[in-house]
Every structure is written in structure tokens, then in C-alpha cells.
C-alpha atoms as a PDB file:
ATOM      1  CA  MET A   1    -156.032 119.012 112.721  1.00  0.00           C
ATOM      2  CA  ASN A   2    -155.126 121.816 110.470  1.00  0.00           C
ATOM      3  CA  MET A   3    -151.407 121.686 109.867  1.00  0.00           C
ATOM      4  CA  ASN A   4    -149.827 123.321 106.873  1.00  0.00           C
ATOM      5  CA  PHE A   5    -148.132 120.081 105.423  1.00  0.00           C
ATOM      6  CA  LYS A   6    -146.014 121.753 102.788  1.00  0.00           C
ATOM      7  CA  ARG A   7    -144.699 124.554 104.876  1.00  0.00           C
ATOM      8  CA  ALA A   8    -144.032 122.381 108.024  1.00  0.00           C
ATOM      9  CA  LEU A   9    -144.144 118.545 107.789  1.00  0.00           C
ATOM     10  CA  LEU A  10    -142.942 117.908 104.334  1.00  0.00           C
ATOM     11  CA  PRO A  11    -139.723 119.993 104.648  1.00  0.00           C
ATOM     12  CA  THR A  12    -139.099 118.512 108.058  1.00  0.00           C
ATOM     13  CA  LEU A  13    -139.125 115.044 106.551  1.00  0.00           C
ATOM     14  CA  ILE A  14    -136.996 115.866 103.559  1.00  0.00           C
ATOM     15  CA  ALA A  15    -134.461 118.169 105.243  1.00  0.00           C
ATOM     16  CA  GLY A  16    -133.152 115.366 107.379  1.00  0.00           C
ATOM     17  CA  ILE A  17    -135.584 115.700 110.368  1.00  0.00           C
ATOM     18  CA  THR A  18    -133.546 118.334 112.150  1.00  0.00           C
ATOM     19  CA  LEU A  19    -135.947 120.828 113.569  1.00  0.00           C
ATOM     20  CA  THR A  20    -136.209 121.222 117.287  1.00  0.00           C
ATOM     21  CA  THR A  21    -138.380 123.216 119.610  1.00  0.00           C
ATOM     22  CA  SER A  22    -136.839 126.540 120.486  1.00  0.00           C
ATOM     23  CA  ALA A  23    -137.269 127.727 124.162  1.00  0.00           C
ATOM     24  CA  GLN A  24    -140.087 130.169 124.280  1.00  0.00           C
ATOM     25  CA  LYS A  25    -141.693 132.087 127.085  1.00  0.00           C
ATOM     26  CA  ALA A  26    -144.758 130.280 128.269  1.00  0.00           C
ATOM     27  CA  VAL A  27    -147.894 131.652 127.065  1.00  0.00           C
ATOM     28  CA  PRO A  28    -150.791 132.033 129.635  1.00  0.00           C
ATOM     29  CA  ASN A  29    -154.119 130.288 129.167  1.00  0.00           C
ATOM     30  CA  GLY A  30    -156.632 132.419 127.257  1.00  0.00           C
ATOM     31  CA  TRP A  31    -153.994 134.779 125.866  1.00  0.00           C
ATOM     32  CA  HIS A  32    -156.047 135.230 122.792  1.00  0.00           C
ATOM     33  CA  LEU A  33    -158.694 136.960 124.809  1.00  0.00           C
ATOM     34  CA  ALA A  34    -156.306 139.453 126.535  1.00  0.00           C
ATOM     35  CA  ASP A  35    -156.032 143.184 125.947  1.00  0.00           C
ATOM     36  CA  PRO A  36    -152.657 143.904 124.050  1.00  0.00           C
ATOM     37  CA  GLY A  37    -152.371 147.264 125.982  1.00  0.00           C
ATOM     38  CA  THR A  38    -152.379 145.695 129.442  1.00  0.00           C
ATOM     39  CA  SER A  39    -151.135 142.251 129.012  1.00  0.00           C
ATOM     40  CA  GLY A  40    -148.498 142.356 126.165  1.00  0.00           C
ATOM     41  CA  TYR A  41    -150.236 139.627 124.168  1.00  0.00           C
ATOM     42  CA  ASN A  42    -152.183 140.266 121.057  1.00  0.00           C
ATOM     43  CA  GLY A  43    -155.487 139.230 122.007  1.00  0.00           C
ATOM     44  CA  ILE A  44    -158.995 140.608 121.144  1.00  0.00           C
ATOM     45  CA  SER A  45    -159.620 142.693 124.451  1.00  0.00           C
ATOM     46  CA  LEU A  46    -162.638 140.571 125.178  1.00  0.00           C
ATOM     47  CA  ASP A  47    -163.007 141.855 128.826  1.00  0.00           C
ATOM     48  CA  LYS A  48    -163.226 145.334 127.431  1.00  0.00           C
ATOM     49  CA  ALA A  49    -166.131 144.213 125.245  1.00  0.00           C
ATOM     50  CA  TYR A  50    -167.967 142.612 128.152  1.00  0.00           C
ATOM     51  CA  GLN A  51    -167.474 145.691 130.217  1.00  0.00           C
ATOM     52  CA  PHE A  52    -169.110 147.614 127.367  1.00  0.00           C
ATOM     53  CA  LEU A  53    -171.937 145.132 127.339  1.00  0.00           C
ATOM     54  CA  ASN A  54    -172.490 145.081 131.112  1.00  0.00           C
ATOM     55  CA  GLY A  55    -176.071 145.484 131.984  1.00  0.00           C
ATOM     56  CA  LYS A  56    -177.268 145.142 128.430  1.00  0.00           C
ATOM     57  CA  LYS A  57    -179.724 142.210 127.740  1.00  0.00           C
ATOM     58  CA  SER A  58    -178.676 139.645 125.084  1.00  0.00           C
ATOM     59  CA  GLN A  59    -180.640 137.053 123.014  1.00  0.00           C
ATOM     60  CA  THR A  60    -179.508 133.416 122.570  1.00  0.00           C
ATOM     61  CA  VAL A  61    -177.795 133.029 119.167  1.00  0.00           C
ATOM     62  CA  VAL A  62    -177.532 129.566 117.539  1.00  0.00           C
ATOM     63  CA  VAL A  63    -174.305 129.266 115.710  1.00  0.00           C
ATOM     64  CA  ALA A  64    -174.055 126.513 113.063  1.00  0.00           C
ATOM     65  CA  VAL A  65    -170.387 125.295 112.882  1.00  0.00           C
ATOM     66  CA  ILE A  66    -169.746 123.624 109.606  1.00  0.00           C
ATOM     67  CA  ASP A  67    -166.778 121.331 110.468  1.00  0.00           C
ATOM     68  CA  SER A  68    -165.517 117.833 111.238  1.00  0.00           C
ATOM     69  CA  GLY A  69    -168.026 117.173 114.045  1.00  0.00           C
ATOM     70  CA  ILE A  70    -168.056 117.897 117.856  1.00  0.00           C
ATOM     71  CA  ASP A  71    -167.323 116.080 121.048  1.00  0.00           C
ATOM     72  CA  THR A  72    -170.936 116.193 122.595  1.00  0.00           C
ATOM     73  CA  THR A  73    -169.503 114.665 125.966  1.00  0.00           C
ATOM     74  CA  HIS A  74    -166.871 117.568 126.454  1.00  0.00           C
ATOM     75  CA  GLU A  75    -167.371 119.169 129.815  1.00  0.00           C
ATOM     76  CA  ASP A  76    -166.863 122.628 128.434  1.00  0.00           C
ATOM     77  CA  LEU A  77    -169.252 122.116 125.423  1.00  0.00           C
ATOM     78  CA  LYS A  78    -172.089 120.287 126.966  1.00  0.00           C
ATOM     79  CA  PRO A  79    -173.689 123.326 128.469  1.00  0.00           C
ATOM     80  CA  ILE A  80    -173.607 125.157 125.197  1.00  0.00           C
ATOM     81  CA  LEU A  81    -174.830 122.625 122.650  1.00  0.00           C
ATOM     82  CA  TRP A  82    -177.952 123.407 120.773  1.00  0.00           C
ATOM     83  CA  THR A  83    -180.633 121.026 121.389  1.00  0.00           C
ATOM     84  CA  ASN A  84    -183.515 120.696 119.042  1.00  0.00           C
ATOM     85  CA  PRO A  85    -186.680 121.346 121.222  1.00  0.00           C
ATOM     86  CA  LYS A  86    -188.945 119.605 118.629  1.00  0.00           C
ATOM     87  CA  GLU A  87    -186.988 116.374 118.488  1.00  0.00           C
ATOM     88  CA  ILE A  88    -187.264 113.475 121.003  1.00  0.00           C
ATOM     89  CA  PRO A  89    -183.809 112.013 121.157  1.00  0.00           C
ATOM     90  CA  GLY A  90    -183.348 108.497 120.089  1.00  0.00           C
ATOM     91  CA  ASN A  91    -186.804 107.461 119.121  1.00  0.00           C
ATOM     92  CA  GLY A  92    -185.975 106.978 115.424  1.00  0.00           C
ATOM     93  CA  ILE A  93    -188.736 109.297 114.501  1.00  0.00           C
ATOM     94  CA  ASP A  94    -188.494 112.646 112.642  1.00  0.00           C
ATOM     95  CA  ASP A  95    -190.563 114.372 115.279  1.00  0.00           C
ATOM     96  CA  ASP A  96    -190.230 117.873 113.719  1.00  0.00           C
ATOM     97  CA  LYS A  97    -190.836 116.619 110.132  1.00  0.00           C
ATOM     98  CA  ASN A  98    -187.735 118.436 108.690  1.00  0.00           C
ATOM     99  CA  GLY A  99    -186.392 115.376 106.888  1.00  0.00           C
ATOM    100  CA  TYR A 100    -183.841 114.611 109.517  1.00  0.00           C
ATOM    101  CA  VAL A 101    -184.462 111.856 112.063  1.00  0.00           C
ATOM    102  CA  ASP A 102    -183.151 112.565 115.575  1.00  0.00           C
ATOM    103  CA  ASP A 103    -181.268 115.777 114.700  1.00  0.00           C
ATOM    104  CA  VAL A 104    -180.837 116.575 118.308  1.00  0.00           C
ATOM    105  CA  HIS A 105    -177.521 118.645 118.178  1.00  0.00           C
ATOM    106  CA  GLY A 106    -177.248 119.159 114.441  1.00  0.00           C
ATOM    107  CA  TRP A 107    -176.491 116.781 111.425  1.00  0.00           C
ATOM    108  CA  ASN A 108    -173.769 114.771 110.003  1.00  0.00           C
ATOM    109  CA  PHE A 109    -173.856 115.052 106.135  1.00  0.00           C
ATOM    110  CA  LEU A 110    -170.946 112.678 105.891  1.00  0.00           C
ATOM    111  CA  GLY A 111    -172.749 109.664 107.434  1.00  0.00           C
ATOM    112  CA  GLY A 112    -174.707 106.862 105.953  1.00  0.00           C
ATOM    113  CA  LYS A 113    -178.290 105.839 106.846  1.00  0.00           C
ATOM    114  CA  ASP A 114    -176.824 102.629 108.170  1.00  0.00           C
ATOM    115  CA  GLY A 115    -174.863 104.368 110.915  1.00  0.00           C
ATOM    116  CA  ARG A 116    -171.406 104.413 109.120  1.00  0.00           C
ATOM    117  CA  ASN A 117    -169.420 107.506 108.666  1.00  0.00           C
ATOM    118  CA  VAL A 118    -166.882 108.787 106.260  1.00  0.00           C
ATOM    119  CA  GLY A 119    -163.594 108.806 108.056  1.00  0.00           C
ATOM    120  CA  LYS A 120    -161.316 109.175 105.080  1.00  0.00           C
ATOM    121  CA  ASP A 121    -162.072 110.944 101.943  1.00  0.00           C
ATOM    122  CA  SER A 122    -160.428 111.603  98.590  1.00  0.00           C
ATOM    123  CA  TYR A 123    -159.073 114.904  97.269  1.00  0.00           C
ATOM    124  CA  GLU A 124    -162.001 116.940  95.817  1.00  0.00           C
ATOM    125  CA  ALA A 125    -159.932 118.513  92.936  1.00  0.00           C
ATOM    126  CA  ALA A 126    -158.890 114.924  91.885  1.00  0.00           C
ATOM    127  CA  ARG A 127    -162.426 113.779  91.942  1.00  0.00           C
ATOM    128  CA  VAL A 128    -163.524 116.604  89.596  1.00  0.00           C
ATOM    129  CA  TYR A 129    -160.391 116.232  87.427  1.00  0.00           C
ATOM    130  CA  HIS A 130    -161.062 112.511  86.751  1.00  0.00           C
ATOM    131  CA  ARG A 131    -164.771 112.958  86.422  1.00  0.00           C
ATOM    132  CA  TRP A 132    -164.480 115.178  83.437  1.00  0.00           C
ATOM    133  CA  LYS A 133    -161.062 114.208  82.032  1.00  0.00           C
ATOM    134  CA  GLU A 134    -162.535 112.191  79.204  1.00  0.00           C
ATOM    135  CA  LYS A 135    -164.783 115.068  78.373  1.00  0.00           C
ATOM    136  CA  PHE A 136    -162.349 117.901  78.308  1.00  0.00           C
ATOM    137  CA  GLY A 137    -158.884 116.234  78.391  1.00  0.00           C
ATOM    138  CA  ASN A 138    -158.419 116.844  74.561  1.00  0.00           C
ATOM    139  CA  ILE A 139    -160.173 120.325  74.232  1.00  0.00           C
ATOM    140  CA  THR A 140    -157.703 122.847  72.618  1.00  0.00           C
ATOM    141  CA  ASP A 141    -160.068 125.667  72.136  1.00  0.00           C
ATOM    142  CA  PRO A 142    -162.628 126.158  75.064  1.00  0.00           C
ATOM    143  CA  SER A 143    -163.951 129.156  73.369  1.00  0.00           C
ATOM    144  CA  LYS A 144    -165.877 126.901  71.053  1.00  0.00           C
ATOM    145  CA  LEU A 145    -167.830 125.008  73.757  1.00  0.00           C
ATOM    146  CA  SER A 146    -171.400 125.828  74.667  1.00  0.00           C
ATOM    147  CA  PRO A 147    -171.988 128.206  77.603  1.00  0.00           C
ATOM    148  CA  ALA A 148    -172.900 125.204  80.011  1.00  0.00           C
ATOM    149  CA  ASP A 149    -169.812 123.292  78.945  1.00  0.00           C
ATOM    150  CA  LYS A 150    -167.533 126.370  79.370  1.00  0.00           C
ATOM    151  CA  ASP A 151    -168.520 126.619  83.014  1.00  0.00           C
ATOM    152  CA  GLN A 152    -167.704 122.837  83.445  1.00  0.00           C
ATOM    153  CA  TYR A 153    -164.501 123.284  81.612  1.00  0.00           C
ATOM    154  CA  THR A 154    -163.512 126.195  83.824  1.00  0.00           C
ATOM    155  CA  MET A 155    -164.084 124.081  86.923  1.00  0.00           C
ATOM    156  CA  TRP A 156    -162.336 121.181  85.388  1.00  0.00           C
ATOM    157  CA  ALA A 157    -159.245 123.158  84.290  1.00  0.00           C
ATOM    158  CA  LYS A 158    -158.937 124.546  87.854  1.00  0.00           C
ATOM    159  CA  ALA A 159    -159.354 121.087  89.381  1.00  0.00           C
ATOM    160  CA  LYS A 160    -156.530 119.837  86.951  1.00  0.00           C
ATOM    161  CA  ASN A 161    -154.352 122.654  88.097  1.00  0.00           C
ATOM    162  CA  ASP A 162    -154.778 121.714  91.792  1.00  0.00           C
ATOM    163  CA  ALA A 163    -154.799 117.927  91.363  1.00  0.00           C
ATOM    164  CA  VAL A 164    -151.965 117.754  88.943  1.00  0.00           C
ATOM    165  CA  LYS A 165    -149.675 120.826  88.669  1.00  0.00           C
ATOM    166  CA  ASP A 166    -149.857 121.551  92.370  1.00  0.00           C
ATOM    167  CA  VAL A 167    -148.423 118.261  93.213  1.00  0.00           C
ATOM    168  CA  ASP A 168    -144.574 118.224  94.058  1.00  0.00           C
ATOM    169  CA  MET A 169    -143.906 114.606  92.736  1.00  0.00           C
ATOM    170  CA  ASN A 170    -140.228 114.892  93.550  1.00  0.00           C
ATOM    171  CA  SER A 171    -140.930 115.722  97.164  1.00  0.00           C
ATOM    172  CA  ILE A 172    -143.609 113.060  97.434  1.00  0.00           C
ATOM    173  CA  ALA A 173    -141.182 110.407  96.024  1.00  0.00           C
ATOM    174  CA  LEU A 174    -138.725 111.272  98.784  1.00  0.00           C
ATOM    175  CA  VAL A 175    -141.623 110.941 101.317  1.00  0.00           C
ATOM    176  CA  ARG A 176    -142.608 107.483  99.880  1.00  0.00           C
ATOM    177  CA  LYS A 177    -138.952 106.270 100.287  1.00  0.00           C
ATOM    178  CA  ILE A 178    -138.818 107.101 104.105  1.00  0.00           C
ATOM    179  CA  TYR A 179    -142.447 106.222 104.837  1.00  0.00           C
ATOM    180  CA  ASP A 180    -141.751 102.762 105.849  1.00  0.00           C
ATOM    181  CA  GLU A 181    -138.977 103.934 108.217  1.00  0.00           C
ATOM    182  CA  VAL A 182    -141.479 106.546 109.670  1.00  0.00           C
ATOM    183  CA  LYS A 183    -143.977 103.849 110.414  1.00  0.00           C
ATOM    184  CA  ARG A 184    -141.371 101.609 111.981  1.00  0.00           C
ATOM    185  CA  GLY A 185    -140.383 104.432 114.253  1.00  0.00           C
ATOM    186  CA  ASP A 186    -143.930 105.122 115.229  1.00  0.00           C
ATOM    187  CA  SER A 187    -144.547 101.498 115.919  1.00  0.00           C
ATOM    188  CA  VAL A 188    -141.493 101.445 118.327  1.00  0.00           C
ATOM    189  CA  ILE A 189    -142.515 104.463 120.119  1.00  0.00           C
ATOM    190  CA  ALA A 190    -146.221 103.220 120.446  1.00  0.00           C
ATOM    191  CA  LYS A 191    -144.891  99.988 122.040  1.00  0.00           C
ATOM    192  CA  ASP A 192    -142.446 101.758 124.221  1.00  0.00           C
ATOM    193  CA  LEU A 193    -145.138 104.101 125.556  1.00  0.00           C
ATOM    194  CA  GLY A 194    -147.863 101.529 125.876  1.00  0.00           C
ATOM    195  CA  LYS A 195    -150.315 103.591 123.720  1.00  0.00           C
ATOM    196  CA  THR A 196    -151.269 103.575 119.986  1.00  0.00           C
ATOM    197  CA  THR A 197    -151.965 107.384 119.967  1.00  0.00           C
ATOM    198  CA  TYR A 198    -149.551 109.834 121.619  1.00  0.00           C
ATOM    199  CA  SER A 199    -148.788 113.501 121.367  1.00  0.00           C
ATOM    200  CA  VAL A 200    -145.523 115.579 121.243  1.00  0.00           C
ATOM    201  CA  LYS A 201    -146.249 116.193 124.877  1.00  0.00           C
ATOM    202  CA  ASP A 202    -145.987 112.428 125.786  1.00  0.00           C
ATOM    203  CA  LEU A 203    -142.494 112.598 124.056  1.00  0.00           C
ATOM    204  CA  LYS A 204    -141.049 115.089 126.401  1.00  0.00           C
ATOM    205  CA  THR A 205    -139.328 112.493 128.560  1.00  0.00           C
ATOM    206  CA  TYR A 206    -139.184 109.770 126.099  1.00  0.00           C
ATOM    207  CA  ASN A 207    -135.586 108.630 125.197  1.00  0.00           C
ATOM    208  CA  PRO A 208    -135.651 106.581 121.905  1.00  0.00           C
ATOM    209  CA  THR A 209    -133.543 103.394 121.742  1.00  0.00           C
ATOM    210  CA  VAL A 210    -133.451 102.825 118.005  1.00  0.00           C
ATOM    211  CA  LYS A 211    -132.785 105.325 115.152  1.00  0.00           C
ATOM    212  CA  GLU A 212    -136.140 104.953 113.640  1.00  0.00           C
ATOM    213  CA  ALA A 213    -137.823 106.027 116.873  1.00  0.00           C
ATOM    214  CA  GLU A 214    -135.389 108.837 117.247  1.00  0.00           C
ATOM    215  CA  ALA A 215    -136.138 110.141 113.783  1.00  0.00           C
ATOM    216  CA  PHE A 216    -139.893 109.959 114.181  1.00  0.00           C
ATOM    217  CA  LYS A 217    -139.627 111.922 117.543  1.00  0.00           C
ATOM    218  CA  ARG A 218    -137.623 114.607 115.550  1.00  0.00           C
ATOM    219  CA  ILE A 219    -140.397 114.633 113.103  1.00  0.00           C
ATOM    220  CA  MET A 220    -143.068 115.143 115.606  1.00  0.00           C
ATOM    221  CA  VAL A 221    -141.049 117.764 117.707  1.00  0.00           C
ATOM    222  CA  GLY A 222    -140.138 119.596 114.531  1.00  0.00           C
ATOM    223  CA  THR A 223    -143.626 119.772 113.197  1.00  0.00           C
ATOM    224  CA  ALA A 224    -144.934 120.984 116.561  1.00  0.00           C
ATOM    225  CA  ALA A 225    -142.400 123.769 116.444  1.00  0.00           C
ATOM    226  CA  GLN A 226    -143.553 124.801 113.006  1.00  0.00           C
ATOM    227  CA  ASN A 227    -147.104 124.856 114.179  1.00  0.00           C
ATOM    228  CA  ASN A 228    -146.918 127.366 117.029  1.00  0.00           C
ATOM    229  CA  ASN A 229    -145.261 124.864 119.387  1.00  0.00           C
ATOM    230  CA  ASN A 230    -148.418 122.813 119.359  1.00  0.00           C
ATOM    231  CA  THR A 231    -147.538 119.932 121.560  1.00  0.00           C
ATOM    232  CA  ASP A 232    -151.047 118.388 121.363  1.00  0.00           C
ATOM    233  CA  ILE A 233    -150.048 117.189 117.744  1.00  0.00           C
ATOM    234  CA  THR A 234    -150.314 113.377 117.795  1.00  0.00           C
ATOM    235  CA  ASN A 235    -148.592 110.582 115.883  1.00  0.00           C
ATOM    236  CA  ARG A 236    -151.870 109.943 113.993  1.00  0.00           C
ATOM    237  CA  ASN A 237    -152.131 113.481 112.909  1.00  0.00           C
ATOM    238  CA  LEU A 238    -148.754 113.228 111.280  1.00  0.00           C
ATOM    239  CA  LEU A 239    -149.297 109.855 109.701  1.00  0.00           C
ATOM    240  CA  ASP A 240    -152.657 110.995 108.385  1.00  0.00           C
ATOM    241  CA  GLU A 241    -151.005 114.002 106.868  1.00  0.00           C
ATOM    242  CA  ILE A 242    -148.333 111.998 105.204  1.00  0.00           C
ATOM    243  CA  GLU A 243    -150.883 109.502 103.772  1.00  0.00           C
ATOM    244  CA  SER A 244    -153.126 112.216 102.709  1.00  0.00           C
ATOM    245  CA  GLU A 245    -150.163 113.874 100.556  1.00  0.00           C
ATOM    246  CA  ILE A 246    -149.285 110.387  99.190  1.00  0.00           C
ATOM    247  CA  SER A 247    -153.059 109.811  98.248  1.00  0.00           C
ATOM    248  CA  LYS A 248    -153.128 113.192  96.616  1.00  0.00           C
ATOM    249  CA  ALA A 249    -150.149 112.459  94.528  1.00  0.00           C
ATOM    250  CA  ASP A 250    -151.680 109.117  93.555  1.00  0.00           C
ATOM    251  CA  ALA A 251    -154.918 110.812  92.599  1.00  0.00           C
ATOM    252  CA  ALA A 252    -153.048 112.974  90.018  1.00  0.00           C
ATOM    253  CA  THR A 253    -152.750 109.859  87.763  1.00  0.00           C
ATOM    254  CA  THR A 254    -155.465 107.507  89.034  1.00  0.00           C
ATOM    255  CA  ALA A 255    -159.228 108.268  89.892  1.00  0.00           C
ATOM    256  CA  PRO A 256    -159.528 108.322  93.637  1.00  0.00           C
ATOM    257  CA  GLN A 257    -161.839 105.915  95.639  1.00  0.00           C
ATOM    258  CA  ASN A 258    -165.314 107.351  96.187  1.00  0.00           C
ATOM    259  CA  TYR A 259    -165.620 106.922  99.899  1.00  0.00           C
ATOM    260  CA  ARG A 260    -168.495 109.245 100.101  1.00  0.00           C
ATOM    261  CA  GLY A 261    -170.489 107.435  97.311  1.00  0.00           C
ATOM    262  CA  ASP A 262    -169.809 104.165  99.154  1.00  0.00           C
ATOM    263  CA  ILE A 263    -171.182 105.261 102.593  1.00  0.00           C
ATOM    264  CA  VAL A 264    -173.391 108.444 102.208  1.00  0.00           C
ATOM    265  CA  LYS A 265    -174.810 107.531  98.736  1.00  0.00           C
ATOM    266  CA  ASP A 266    -175.889 111.069  97.793  1.00  0.00           C
ATOM    267  CA  ASN A 267    -175.511 112.936  94.544  1.00  0.00           C
ATOM    268  CA  GLU A 268    -172.901 115.644  95.524  1.00  0.00           C
ATOM    269  CA  ALA A 269    -173.503 117.172  92.080  1.00  0.00           C
ATOM    270  CA  ASP A 270    -177.174 117.828  92.788  1.00  0.00           C
ATOM    271  CA  ILE A 271    -177.695 120.888  95.090  1.00  0.00           C
ATOM    272  CA  ASN A 272    -181.261 119.846  95.537  1.00  0.00           C
ATOM    273  CA  ASP A 273    -180.183 116.408  97.117  1.00  0.00           C
ATOM    274  CA  ARG A 274    -180.497 117.286 100.809  1.00  0.00           C
ATOM    275  CA  PHE A 275    -181.876 114.374 102.783  1.00  0.00           C
ATOM    276  CA  TYR A 276    -179.018 112.205 103.501  1.00  0.00           C
ATOM    277  CA  GLY A 277    -176.529 111.503 106.332  1.00  0.00           C
ATOM    278  CA  ASN A 278    -177.140 110.675 109.925  1.00  0.00           C
ATOM    279  CA  ASN A 279    -177.374 112.310 113.419  1.00  0.00           C
ATOM    280  CA  ASP A 280    -173.955 111.312 114.518  1.00  0.00           C
ATOM    281  CA  VAL A 281    -172.349 114.648 115.028  1.00  0.00           C
ATOM    282  CA  MET A 282    -169.443 113.236 116.957  1.00  0.00           C
ATOM    283  CA  ALA A 283    -168.622 110.670 114.130  1.00  0.00           C
ATOM    284  CA  ILE A 284    -164.999 110.079 113.439  1.00  0.00           C
ATOM    285  CA  GLY A 285    -162.184 112.774 114.226  1.00  0.00           C
ATOM    286  CA  ALA A 286    -164.224 115.555 115.703  1.00  0.00           C
ATOM    287  CA  ASP A 287    -160.997 117.350 116.962  1.00  0.00           C
ATOM    288  CA  HIS A 288    -161.134 120.437 114.813  1.00  0.00           C
ATOM    289  CA  GLY A 289    -164.793 121.010 115.127  1.00  0.00           C
ATOM    290  CA  THR A 290    -164.487 120.630 118.866  1.00  0.00           C
ATOM    291  CA  HIS A 291    -161.735 123.182 118.970  1.00  0.00           C
ATOM    292  CA  VAL A 292    -163.527 125.594 116.837  1.00  0.00           C
ATOM    293  CA  SER A 293    -166.613 125.390 118.816  1.00  0.00           C
ATOM    294  CA  GLY A 294    -164.644 125.906 122.051  1.00  0.00           C
ATOM    295  CA  ILE A 295    -163.120 129.082 120.708  1.00  0.00           C
ATOM    296  CA  ILE A 296    -166.566 130.298 119.851  1.00  0.00           C
ATOM    297  CA  ALA A 297    -168.480 129.499 122.970  1.00  0.00           C
ATOM    298  CA  ALA A 298    -166.825 127.034 125.578  1.00  0.00           C
ATOM    299  CA  ALA A 299    -168.548 127.557 128.887  1.00  0.00           C
ATOM    300  CA  ARG A 300    -167.283 130.684 130.409  1.00  0.00           C
ATOM    301  CA  GLY A 301    -166.156 131.081 134.034  1.00  0.00           C
ATOM    302  CA  ASN A 302    -166.159 127.488 134.987  1.00  0.00           C
ATOM    303  CA  LYS A 303    -162.453 127.234 135.420  1.00  0.00           C
ATOM    304  CA  LYS A 304    -162.350 124.171 133.076  1.00  0.00           C
ATOM    305  CA  GLY A 305    -159.964 124.632 130.152  1.00  0.00           C
ATOM    306  CA  MET A 306    -160.580 127.910 128.042  1.00  0.00           C
ATOM    307  CA  ASP A 307    -163.342 130.441 128.056  1.00  0.00           C
ATOM    308  CA  GLY A 308    -165.324 130.855 124.823  1.00  0.00           C
ATOM    309  CA  ILE A 309    -165.691 134.273 123.328  1.00  0.00           C
ATOM    310  CA  ALA A 310    -169.621 134.329 123.228  1.00  0.00           C
ATOM    311  CA  SER A 311    -171.463 133.782 126.398  1.00  0.00           C
ATOM    312  CA  ASN A 312    -175.016 133.437 125.159  1.00  0.00           C
ATOM    313  CA  VAL A 313    -174.543 131.053 122.229  1.00  0.00           C
ATOM    314  CA  ARG A 314    -175.714 127.553 121.429  1.00  0.00           C
ATOM    315  CA  ILE A 315    -173.563 125.533 119.026  1.00  0.00           C
ATOM    316  CA  MET A 316    -175.262 123.493 116.305  1.00  0.00           C
ATOM    317  CA  MET A 317    -172.926 121.125 114.551  1.00  0.00           C
ATOM    318  CA  VAL A 318    -173.084 120.487 110.811  1.00  0.00           C
ATOM    319  CA  ARG A 319    -170.447 117.864 109.897  1.00  0.00           C
ATOM    320  CA  ALA A 320    -169.431 118.452 106.323  1.00  0.00           C
ATOM    321  CA  VAL A 321    -165.607 117.802 106.465  1.00  0.00           C
END
């Protein structure tokens, strides 16, 4: 999920939850690949590129996607997954001796050796800010610092700006006030629909019976409208965004929990610390990485979902977010 919270969701919550989806012309599947001159859609003219390449020989390219993970069971992605030819899947042995056991389709750098995965993380700027707050918090003249400390101070000052000054406490205070109502509305809709996770698409024919459910439906529909009418946005996406912003505000005054340290147990400040994580590239919340991988290389011409841009590509997933 990659919503712009401040531009879309936060104003929707605060402004009385009044946004609605405007009627728009249906956009054809694969419009982003189309030719503007012949289709009227601002695509990338991919067919013209393939016409130019017709008859030319290509070499397979391995693309490392650094993202949230990938759905290795997806029918449009299974044919284009990179598979490590030197690794025997599931034998628990580092067959290719590269330091990563069973790295069949890539590697998950946000996993623990015990199989657990980081599903929730803290705000990086807040971690940096609180890590060096005691060291630099009272510095009035950074020009007197040593060269090494100056570099750290510059990073700390930027983190402070992001973690403290970039937080709209007044807006967050309003969100806190209505958050319980939002959760009540979500629970009512979930019960009515008979599913814990539902999308804006599921709400098309849903008629709320209580005001909290009506309000949360408006939030979801309004946020979809502000995100290119993306009806695949789910209730969990929205709640995660709200909780993330509240956590970010909390982190401005309180050191955040070290989720990564509890699970991954690596030293993120040491660039030479490389051998950590696990091979679970699907992990938790692989939606965004799956989406990006599909844009790049979803199997072409199989009439399943969308066509990827590149036809001779293998996707290696590197989970890092």
C-alpha cells in the first residue's frame, strides 16, 4: 500500500468525511502500456517497443526488487520468479555457500533466524532522533564538533526535523479523538459483511445501518477517490495508515519500540553486518512488492490479469521494507 496519508486520508477524516467517488470513464486494463496517439491514454507505447525489438534476440535479466516481499503463489508471477539454480529448496543447507540458507527466490532481510518476520516497524527518523538525542540535544554550535560528530549531527538534525517538526500534532489530536469511532465502524462493517478484511469494492452495495459504519464507509470511499479511485484499498490498509501516523506522532516524544532489534537482531548501524534474515520472501504484507513485480514482469500474453513490461525477466525479491 502506498497511499499519501497527509494528502488523502487525514484531510478526509478531519473534514467531516464527505468525499465521494466521482463518476469517471472506465479505464481499460493495461492502459499504462497503451500508445497515447492511438488509444488516448497516456501509456508507454509498449507495443511499439516490441515491434522494434521483433526478431532481435534477448538475454534473460534478473531484476532484484527491493520491497515488501512477493506472493510466490501468484499465477501471474510464478513463471517469472528467479530461482537460485545452486540452492536445493527446503533442505536447510546453504548449498551455494553464499551465507544465506535456502535463498531460493531471494532473501528477507526483515526476518529472524527463528522464522518470525517484522510485520510492524517504527519510524526510522524517530529511531535516529532518539538514538542521538542525549548526545546532540544540547549542542548550540555544531561547528565545534569533530568531523565524525559533525556527520552524525547532520543526520540527527535531519531526523529531528522529520520526527518532530514534520508532525502535525493538531491534526493527529483530532484523529485520536475519532479513532475509536472509526474502529467501531470498521467492526460493524466487518460483522455485516462476514469478513475481517474487505475493500472499497466490497462496499459498493453495502448499506450501513449505524452512523459509525456509514462514517467509515465514507472514509474508505473518499480515500479511494483521492488515490486514483483505487477500489482495492482495504479497511486494514486504512487502519494501518491511521495507526502509523499516530505512532509517528508518539515517536516525536517517546523512543519507539525496536521491532527490528527484537526479531532480526542485526546491527543496522554496521554496513558490514550482512548475514541475517530468513528466506521467507512472502512474509507479511507482500502486496506492494507483488504489485511492483507485476508491473515489471507479470507473465505476458496469458490472459490472466495484467501484462508485465518486460518479457524476458526473472524477479528476485529482496524484502527490506
